[in-house]
Amino acid sequence: MSQNLVPLITYIVSKIRDMDGSPTKTQLVKLLYLLDLEYYKRYRRTLTQLNWIYYHYGPYTAELETILKKLPDVDESEFTSSKGRKGYTYSSQ
């Protein structure tokens, strides 16, 4: 795991919350993937050092779930969508 990952996730979560948003796990995955994609184009390596795979309809990394649960400054809240699916939103201090 990159040493940049924890502050990067905390920053993304806090910026989305500052705009009165509730970042979901899917949004975090997509934003981190896009950051890695752009970083790779410039430096030929990823910023997060996560192992990305194509899963269902987009990028995914199994490592992120473990990392999100361990973040000291990011709180996870579970919700149920109108279609009955469970999801998570995140907030930071």
Protein backbone atom coordinates (compact mmCIF):
# COMPACT_ATOMS: atom_id res chain seq x y z
CA MET A 1 0.00 0.00 0.00
CA SER A 2 1.22 3.45 -0.87
CA GLN A 3 1.95 5.87 1.96
CA ASN A 4 -0.05 8.41 -0.06
CA LEU A 5 -3.23 6.35 0.06
CA VAL A 6 -4.52 7.15 3.57
CA PRO A 7 -4.18 10.95 3.25
CA LEU A 8 -5.54 10.75 -0.30
CA ILE A 9 -8.71 8.89 0.74
CA THR A 10 -9.19 11.21 3.72
CA TYR A 11 -8.81 14.23 1.42
CA ILE A 12 -11.29 12.91 -1.15
CA VAL A 13 -13.86 12.07 1.52
CA SER A 14 -13.52 15.46 3.22
CA LYS A 15 -13.82 17.38 -0.07
CA ILE A 16 -16.97 15.52 -1.06
CA ARG A 17 -18.43 16.10 2.42
CA ASP A 18 -17.50 19.82 2.19
CA MET A 19 -19.76 19.97 -0.87
CA ASP A 20 -22.59 18.38 1.17
CA GLY A 21 -22.10 15.03 -0.54
CA SER A 22 -21.99 11.54 0.88
CA PRO A 23 -19.22 9.60 -0.85
CA THR A 24 -20.01 5.94 -1.45
CA LYS A 25 -17.55 3.09 -1.82
CA THR A 26 -18.27 2.98 -5.56
CA GLN A 27 -17.44 6.67 -5.90
CA LEU A 28 -14.20 6.24 -3.97
CA VAL A 29 -13.18 3.28 -6.13
CA LYS A 30 -13.86 5.21 -9.33
CA LEU A 31 -12.11 8.38 -8.19
CA LEU A 32 -9.04 6.48 -6.98
CA TYR A 33 -8.94 4.53 -10.24
CA LEU A 34 -9.14 7.72 -12.31
CA LEU A 35 -6.37 9.30 -10.23
CA ASP A 36 -4.21 6.22 -10.79
CA LEU A 37 -4.97 6.27 -14.50
CA GLU A 38 -3.91 9.91 -14.92
CA TYR A 39 -0.89 9.48 -12.66
CA TYR A 40 0.20 6.45 -14.68
CA LYS A 41 -0.05 8.37 -17.95
CA ARG A 42 2.46 10.87 -16.62
CA TYR A 43 4.82 8.83 -14.40
CA ARG A 44 4.38 5.23 -15.66
CA ARG A 45 3.43 4.00 -12.18
CA THR A 46 0.31 4.26 -10.07
CA LEU A 47 -0.12 6.67 -7.21
CA THR A 48 -2.02 4.32 -4.90
CA GLN A 49 -0.17 1.09 -5.76
CA LEU A 50 -3.51 -0.75 -5.63
CA ASN A 51 -4.00 -3.82 -7.84
CA TRP A 52 -6.88 -2.94 -10.17
CA ILE A 53 -9.04 -5.47 -12.00
CA TYR A 54 -12.07 -5.13 -14.25
CA TYR A 55 -15.01 -6.50 -12.25
CA HIS A 56 -18.64 -6.44 -13.41
CA TYR A 57 -18.94 -2.97 -14.93
CA GLY A 58 -15.77 -1.18 -13.93
CA PRO A 59 -12.54 -1.03 -11.95
CA TYR A 60 -12.27 -2.78 -8.61
CA THR A 61 -9.63 -3.59 -6.02
CA ALA A 62 -10.26 -5.96 -3.12
CA GLU A 63 -7.57 -4.20 -1.07
CA LEU A 64 -9.65 -1.06 -0.65
CA GLU A 65 -12.28 -2.60 1.64
CA THR A 66 -9.64 -3.61 4.17
CA ILE A 67 -7.96 -0.22 3.97
CA LEU A 68 -11.23 1.69 4.45
CA LYS A 69 -12.04 -0.24 7.62
CA LYS A 70 -8.63 0.64 9.13
CA LEU A 71 -8.62 4.38 8.42
CA PRO A 72 -8.56 6.31 11.71
CA ASP A 73 -9.98 9.58 10.31
CA VAL A 74 -12.71 8.08 8.11
CA ASP A 75 -15.99 6.75 9.48
CA GLU A 76 -18.09 4.21 7.58
CA SER A 77 -21.92 4.25 7.70
CA GLU A 78 -24.11 1.54 6.20
CA PHE A 79 -27.30 2.38 4.29
CA THR A 80 -29.96 0.51 2.34
CA SER A 81 -31.00 1.84 -1.05
CA SER A 82 -34.58 2.14 -2.26
CA LYS A 83 -34.01 -1.12 -4.16
CA GLY A 84 -32.97 -2.91 -0.97
CA ARG A 85 -29.24 -2.98 -1.68
CA LYS A 86 -26.78 -2.28 1.11
CA GLY A 87 -24.06 0.31 0.63
CA TYR A 88 -21.63 2.45 2.60
CA THR A 89 -20.97 6.14 2.86
CA TYR A 90 -17.92 7.75 4.41
CA SER A 91 -17.16 10.85 6.44
CA SER A 92 -13.92 12.29 7.81
CA GLN A 93 -13.01 14.43 10.78
